[in-house]
Amino acid sequence: MSDIRTYNVTGMTCAHCVSSVTEEVQEIPGVDDVDVVLDTGVLTVTSSQSLDDAAVRAAVEEAGYALT
């Protein structure tokens, strides 16, 4: 059973921003898929195990952005 969560990311302005967020979030153990939409700032994470919101927040912050 997959755990699918949606977040809002602020501060992204270009494709490089999307790539940075995607790369950091994909490093979280158990994450299967990451989808980031630049225009809306929506981050959707699909994980094969229970997803830790704090880990997602830390990954997004490591990329240089913030969750709202």
PDB file of N, CA and C in Angstrom:
ATOM      1  N   MET A   1       0.839  -1.182   0.000  1.00  0.00           N
ATOM      2  CA  MET A   1       0.000   0.000   0.000  1.00  0.00           C
ATOM      3  C   MET A   1       0.885   1.247   0.000  1.00  0.00           C
ATOM      4  N   SER A   2       0.638   2.138  -0.930  1.00  0.00           N
ATOM      5  CA  SER A   2       1.448   3.349  -1.055  1.00  0.00           C
ATOM      6  C   SER A   2       0.911   4.460  -0.164  1.00  0.00           C
ATOM      7  N   ASP A   3       1.828   5.277   0.290  1.00  0.00           N
ATOM      8  CA  ASP A   3       1.500   6.482   1.042  1.00  0.00           C
ATOM      9  C   ASP A   3       1.742   7.645   0.090  1.00  0.00           C
ATOM     10  N   ILE A   4       0.686   8.383  -0.237  1.00  0.00           N
ATOM     11  CA  ILE A   4       0.812   9.520  -1.160  1.00  0.00           C
ATOM     12  C   ILE A   4       0.483  10.789  -0.392  1.00  0.00           C
ATOM     13  N   ARG A   5       1.424  11.724  -0.412  1.00  0.00           N
ATOM     14  CA  ARG A   5       1.244  12.993   0.305  1.00  0.00           C
ATOM     15  C   ARG A   5       1.502  14.159  -0.641  1.00  0.00           C
ATOM     16  N   THR A   6       0.797  15.246  -0.393  1.00  0.00           N
ATOM     17  CA  THR A   6       0.951  16.455  -1.195  1.00  0.00           C
ATOM     18  C   THR A   6       1.366  17.606  -0.281  1.00  0.00           C
ATOM     19  N   TYR A   7       2.317  18.390  -0.765  1.00  0.00           N
ATOM     20  CA  TYR A   7       2.844  19.529  -0.012  1.00  0.00           C
ATOM     21  C   TYR A   7       2.897  20.752  -0.923  1.00  0.00           C
ATOM     22  N   ASN A   8       3.012  21.936  -0.328  1.00  0.00           N
ATOM     23  CA  ASN A   8       3.219  23.160  -1.093  1.00  0.00           C
ATOM     24  C   ASN A   8       4.616  23.691  -0.799  1.00  0.00           C
ATOM     25  N   VAL A   9       5.368  23.942  -1.865  1.00  0.00           N
ATOM     26  CA  VAL A   9       6.738  24.429  -1.756  1.00  0.00           C
ATOM     27  C   VAL A   9       6.784  25.883  -2.211  1.00  0.00           C
ATOM     28  N   THR A  10       7.463  26.729  -1.445  1.00  0.00           N
ATOM     29  CA  THR A  10       7.608  28.128  -1.841  1.00  0.00           C
ATOM     30  C   THR A  10       9.056  28.409  -2.228  1.00  0.00           C
ATOM     31  N   GLY A  11       9.225  29.386  -3.111  1.00  0.00           N
ATOM     32  CA  GLY A  11      10.554  29.846  -3.486  1.00  0.00           C
ATOM     33  C   GLY A  11      11.083  29.306  -4.797  1.00  0.00           C
ATOM     34  N   MET A  12      10.386  28.365  -5.420  1.00  0.00           N
ATOM     35  CA  MET A  12      10.872  27.800  -6.684  1.00  0.00           C
ATOM     36  C   MET A  12      10.533  28.754  -7.837  1.00  0.00           C
ATOM     37  N   THR A  13      11.523  28.960  -8.710  1.00  0.00           N
ATOM     38  CA  THR A  13      11.303  29.885  -9.828  1.00  0.00           C
ATOM     39  C   THR A  13      11.668  29.302 -11.190  1.00  0.00           C
ATOM     40  N   CYS A  14      12.294  28.118 -11.207  1.00  0.00           N
ATOM     41  CA  CYS A  14      12.757  27.590 -12.495  1.00  0.00           C
ATOM     42  C   CYS A  14      12.861  26.063 -12.460  1.00  0.00           C
ATOM     43  N   ALA A  15      13.198  25.488 -13.594  1.00  0.00           N
ATOM     44  CA  ALA A  15      13.328  24.032 -13.705  1.00  0.00           C
ATOM     45  C   ALA A  15      14.442  23.497 -12.805  1.00  0.00           C
ATOM     46  N   HIS A  16      15.489  24.281 -12.600  1.00  0.00           N
ATOM     47  CA  HIS A  16      16.569  23.846 -11.706  1.00  0.00           C
ATOM     48  C   HIS A  16      16.045  23.697 -10.278  1.00  0.00           C
ATOM     49  N   CYS A  17      15.153  24.594  -9.869  1.00  0.00           N
ATOM     50  CA  CYS A  17      14.548  24.508  -8.538  1.00  0.00           C
ATOM     51  C   CYS A  17      13.789  23.192  -8.399  1.00  0.00           C
ATOM     52  N   VAL A  18      13.000  22.864  -9.404  1.00  0.00           N
ATOM     53  CA  VAL A  18      12.227  21.621  -9.411  1.00  0.00           C
ATOM     54  C   VAL A  18      13.163  20.422  -9.309  1.00  0.00           C
ATOM     55  N   SER A  19      14.233  20.453 -10.065  1.00  0.00           N
ATOM     56  CA  SER A  19      15.209  19.368 -10.065  1.00  0.00           C
ATOM     57  C   SER A  19      15.858  19.216  -8.694  1.00  0.00           C
ATOM     58  N   SER A  20      16.210  20.323  -8.063  1.00  0.00           N
ATOM     59  CA  SER A  20      16.849  20.278  -6.743  1.00  0.00           C
ATOM     60  C   SER A  20      15.925  19.661  -5.700  1.00  0.00           C
ATOM     61  N   VAL A  21      14.664  20.088  -5.698  1.00  0.00           N
ATOM     62  CA  VAL A  21      13.696  19.544  -4.742  1.00  0.00           C
ATOM     63  C   VAL A  21      13.488  18.057  -5.011  1.00  0.00           C
ATOM     64  N   THR A  22      13.315  17.702  -6.276  1.00  0.00           N
ATOM     65  CA  THR A  22      13.098  16.304  -6.652  1.00  0.00           C
ATOM     66  C   THR A  22      14.250  15.423  -6.183  1.00  0.00           C
ATOM     67  N   GLU A  23      15.470  15.847  -6.446  1.00  0.00           N
ATOM     68  CA  GLU A  23      16.646  15.059  -6.074  1.00  0.00           C
ATOM     69  C   GLU A  23      16.739  14.857  -4.564  1.00  0.00           C
ATOM     70  N   GLU A  24      16.501  15.898  -3.796  1.00  0.00           N
ATOM     71  CA  GLU A  24      16.600  15.785  -2.334  1.00  0.00           C
ATOM     72  C   GLU A  24      15.509  14.878  -1.768  1.00  0.00           C
ATOM     73  N   VAL A  25      14.282  15.031  -2.241  1.00  0.00           N
ATOM     74  CA  VAL A  25      13.177  14.234  -1.710  1.00  0.00           C
ATOM     75  C   VAL A  25      13.333  12.767  -2.105  1.00  0.00           C
ATOM     76  N   GLN A  26      13.879  12.504  -3.280  1.00  0.00           N
ATOM     77  CA  GLN A  26      14.082  11.116  -3.717  1.00  0.00           C
ATOM     78  C   GLN A  26      15.075  10.367  -2.833  1.00  0.00           C
ATOM     79  N   GLU A  27      15.893  11.088  -2.082  1.00  0.00           N
ATOM     80  CA  GLU A  27      16.870  10.464  -1.187  1.00  0.00           C
ATOM     81  C   GLU A  27      16.234   9.898   0.076  1.00  0.00           C
ATOM     82  N   ILE A  28      14.987  10.269   0.368  1.00  0.00           N
ATOM     83  CA  ILE A  28      14.319   9.783   1.575  1.00  0.00           C
ATOM     84  C   ILE A  28      14.031   8.286   1.398  1.00  0.00           C
ATOM     85  N   PRO A  29      14.424   7.467   2.366  1.00  0.00           N
ATOM     86  CA  PRO A  29      14.181   6.022   2.257  1.00  0.00           C
ATOM     87  C   PRO A  29      12.699   5.705   2.044  1.00  0.00           C
ATOM     88  N   GLY A  30      12.423   4.828   1.088  1.00  0.00           N
ATOM     89  CA  GLY A  30      11.062   4.394   0.811  1.00  0.00           C
ATOM     90  C   GLY A  30      10.332   5.198  -0.248  1.00  0.00           C
ATOM     91  N   VAL A  31      10.882   6.363  -0.628  1.00  0.00           N
ATOM     92  CA  VAL A  31      10.209   7.192  -1.633  1.00  0.00           C
ATOM     93  C   VAL A  31      10.315   6.518  -2.994  1.00  0.00           C
ATOM     94  N   ASP A  32       9.157   6.346  -3.642  1.00  0.00           N
ATOM     95  CA  ASP A  32       9.090   5.711  -4.951  1.00  0.00           C
ATOM     96  C   ASP A  32       8.975   6.717  -6.089  1.00  0.00           C
ATOM     97  N   ASP A  33       8.254   7.822  -5.854  1.00  0.00           N
ATOM     98  CA  ASP A  33       8.026   8.787  -6.926  1.00  0.00           C
ATOM     99  C   ASP A  33       7.891  10.179  -6.332  1.00  0.00           C
ATOM    100  N   VAL A  34       8.423  11.159  -7.067  1.00  0.00           N
ATOM    101  CA  VAL A  34       8.343  12.563  -6.671  1.00  0.00           C
ATOM    102  C   VAL A  34       7.875  13.348  -7.888  1.00  0.00           C
ATOM    103  N   ASP A  35       6.835  14.161  -7.693  1.00  0.00           N
ATOM    104  CA  ASP A  35       6.341  15.014  -8.773  1.00  0.00           C
ATOM    105  C   ASP A  35       6.272  16.437  -8.238  1.00  0.00           C
ATOM    106  N   VAL A  36       6.948  17.365  -8.920  1.00  0.00           N
ATOM    107  CA  VAL A  36       6.953  18.763  -8.517  1.00  0.00           C
ATOM    108  C   VAL A  36       6.421  19.591  -9.677  1.00  0.00           C
ATOM    109  N   VAL A  37       5.410  20.418  -9.412  1.00  0.00           N
ATOM    110  CA  VAL A  37       4.831  21.287 -10.433  1.00  0.00           C
ATOM    111  C   VAL A  37       5.274  22.718 -10.139  1.00  0.00           C
ATOM    112  N   LEU A  38       6.101  23.259 -11.006  1.00  0.00           N
ATOM    113  CA  LEU A  38       6.663  24.596 -10.800  1.00  0.00           C
ATOM    114  C   LEU A  38       5.585  25.667 -10.693  1.00  0.00           C
ATOM    115  N   ASP A  39       4.614  25.650 -11.595  1.00  0.00           N
ATOM    116  CA  ASP A  39       3.602  26.712 -11.636  1.00  0.00           C
ATOM    117  C   ASP A  39       2.783  26.826 -10.358  1.00  0.00           C
ATOM    118  N   THR A  40       2.499  25.697  -9.729  1.00  0.00           N
ATOM    119  CA  THR A  40       1.657  25.705  -8.528  1.00  0.00           C
ATOM    120  C   THR A  40       2.452  25.520  -7.236  1.00  0.00           C
ATOM    121  N   GLY A  41       3.681  25.016  -7.357  1.00  0.00           N
ATOM    122  CA  GLY A  41       4.486  24.738  -6.177  1.00  0.00           C
ATOM    123  C   GLY A  41       4.064  23.465  -5.463  1.00  0.00           C
ATOM    124  N   VAL A  42       3.268  22.637  -6.128  1.00  0.00           N
ATOM    125  CA  VAL A  42       2.772  21.417  -5.500  1.00  0.00           C
ATOM    126  C   VAL A  42       3.792  20.291  -5.647  1.00  0.00           C
ATOM    127  N   LEU A  43       4.107  19.676  -4.519  1.00  0.00           N
ATOM    128  CA  LEU A  43       5.013  18.533  -4.442  1.00  0.00           C
ATOM    129  C   LEU A  43       4.185  17.325  -4.031  1.00  0.00           C
ATOM    130  N   THR A  44       4.192  16.280  -4.862  1.00  0.00           N
ATOM    131  CA  THR A  44       3.495  15.043  -4.537  1.00  0.00           C
ATOM    132  C   THR A  44       4.536  13.949  -4.372  1.00  0.00           C
ATOM    133  N   VAL A  45       4.484  13.282  -3.227  1.00  0.00           N
ATOM    134  CA  VAL A  45       5.453  12.240  -2.908  1.00  0.00           C
ATOM    135  C   VAL A  45       4.710  10.917  -2.712  1.00  0.00           C
ATOM    136  N   THR A  46       5.158   9.886  -3.421  1.00  0.00           N
ATOM    137  CA  THR A  46       4.608   8.548  -3.266  1.00  0.00           C
ATOM    138  C   THR A  46       5.682   7.680  -2.625  1.00  0.00           C
ATOM    139  N   SER A  47       5.289   6.994  -1.541  1.00  0.00           N
ATOM    140  CA  SER A  47       6.240   6.182  -0.792  1.00  0.00           C
ATOM    141  C   SER A  47       5.661   4.800  -0.534  1.00  0.00           C
ATOM    142  N   SER A  48       6.530   3.808  -0.520  1.00  0.00           N
ATOM    143  CA  SER A  48       6.106   2.439  -0.248  1.00  0.00           C
ATOM    144  C   SER A  48       5.967   2.173   1.247  1.00  0.00           C
ATOM    145  N   GLN A  49       6.396   3.140   2.053  1.00  0.00           N
ATOM    146  CA  GLN A  49       6.246   3.014   3.500  1.00  0.00           C
ATOM    147  C   GLN A  49       5.725   4.331   4.056  1.00  0.00           C
ATOM    148  N   SER A  50       5.388   4.338   5.323  1.00  0.00           N
ATOM    149  CA  SER A  50       4.854   5.547   5.944  1.00  0.00           C
ATOM    150  C   SER A  50       5.854   6.690   5.785  1.00  0.00           C
ATOM    151  N   LEU A  51       5.370   7.821   5.313  1.00  0.00           N
ATOM    152  CA  LEU A  51       6.228   8.961   5.014  1.00  0.00           C
ATOM    153  C   LEU A  51       6.304   9.899   6.212  1.00  0.00           C
ATOM    154  N   ASP A  52       7.506  10.322   6.542  1.00  0.00           N
ATOM    155  CA  ASP A  52       7.739  11.232   7.656  1.00  0.00           C
ATOM    156  C   ASP A  52       7.732  12.661   7.121  1.00  0.00           C
ATOM    157  N   ASP A  53       6.718  13.448   7.525  1.00  0.00           N
ATOM    158  CA  ASP A  53       6.618  14.831   7.049  1.00  0.00           C
ATOM    159  C   ASP A  53       7.861  15.647   7.399  1.00  0.00           C
ATOM    160  N   ALA A  54       8.458  15.378   8.543  1.00  0.00           N
ATOM    161  CA  ALA A  54       9.662  16.105   8.956  1.00  0.00           C
ATOM    162  C   ALA A  54      10.819  15.816   7.997  1.00  0.00           C
ATOM    163  N   ALA A  55      10.908  14.581   7.504  1.00  0.00           N
ATOM    164  CA  ALA A  55      11.965  14.229   6.555  1.00  0.00           C
ATOM    165  C   ALA A  55      11.754  14.952   5.228  1.00  0.00           C
ATOM    166  N   VAL A  56      10.491  15.064   4.812  1.00  0.00           N
ATOM    167  CA  VAL A  56      10.192  15.794   3.566  1.00  0.00           C
ATOM    168  C   VAL A  56      10.540  17.260   3.737  1.00  0.00           C
ATOM    169  N   ARG A  57      10.158  17.842   4.862  1.00  0.00           N
ATOM    170  CA  ARG A  57      10.468  19.258   5.131  1.00  0.00           C
ATOM    171  C   ARG A  57      11.985  19.474   5.126  1.00  0.00           C
ATOM    172  N   ALA A  58      12.721  18.588   5.773  1.00  0.00           N
ATOM    173  CA  ALA A  58      14.180  18.715   5.828  1.00  0.00           C
ATOM    174  C   ALA A  58      14.799  18.606   4.430  1.00  0.00           C
ATOM    175  N   ALA A  59      14.274  17.707   3.611  1.00  0.00           N
ATOM    176  CA  ALA A  59      14.794  17.549   2.250  1.00  0.00           C
ATOM    177  C   ALA A  59      14.537  18.792   1.409  1.00  0.00           C
ATOM    178  N   VAL A  60      13.344  19.344   1.539  1.00  0.00           N
ATOM    179  CA  VAL A  60      13.005  20.565   0.781  1.00  0.00           C
ATOM    180  C   VAL A  60      13.862  21.724   1.256  1.00  0.00           C
ATOM    181  N   GLU A  61      14.074  21.831   2.550  1.00  0.00           N
ATOM    182  CA  GLU A  61      14.927  22.899   3.090  1.00  0.00           C
ATOM    183  C   GLU A  61      16.369  22.708   2.668  1.00  0.00           C
ATOM    184  N   GLU A  62      16.838  21.468   2.584  1.00  0.00           N
ATOM    185  CA  GLU A  62      18.201  21.178   2.119  1.00  0.00           C
ATOM    186  C   GLU A  62      18.386  21.659   0.671  1.00  0.00           C
ATOM    187  N   ALA A  63      17.308  21.580  -0.104  1.00  0.00           N
ATOM    188  CA  ALA A  63      17.347  22.047  -1.500  1.00  0.00           C
ATOM    189  C   ALA A  63      17.285  23.580  -1.571  1.00  0.00           C
ATOM    190  N   GLY A  64      16.950  24.236  -0.454  1.00  0.00           N
ATOM    191  CA  GLY A  64      16.932  25.687  -0.415  1.00  0.00           C
ATOM    192  C   GLY A  64      15.557  26.315  -0.487  1.00  0.00           C
ATOM    193  N   TYR A  65      14.526  25.514  -0.202  1.00  0.00           N
ATOM    194  CA  TYR A  65      13.142  26.011  -0.310  1.00  0.00           C
ATOM    195  C   TYR A  65      12.400  25.700   0.967  1.00  0.00           C
ATOM    196  N   ALA A  66      11.116  26.041   1.027  1.00  0.00           N
ATOM    197  CA  ALA A  66      10.340  25.831   2.248  1.00  0.00           C
ATOM    198  C   ALA A  66       8.981  25.240   1.924  1.00  0.00           C
ATOM    199  N   LEU A  67       8.458  24.458   2.881  1.00  0.00           N
ATOM    200  CA  LEU A  67       7.085  23.968   2.787  1.00  0.00           C
ATOM    201  C   LEU A  67       6.176  24.983   3.482  1.00  0.00           C
ATOM    202  N   THR A  68       4.979  25.148   2.935  1.00  0.00           N
ATOM    203  CA  THR A  68       4.012  26.037   3.585  1.00  0.00           C
ATOM    204  C   THR A  68       2.836  25.248   4.090  1.00  0.00           C
TER     205      THR A  68
END
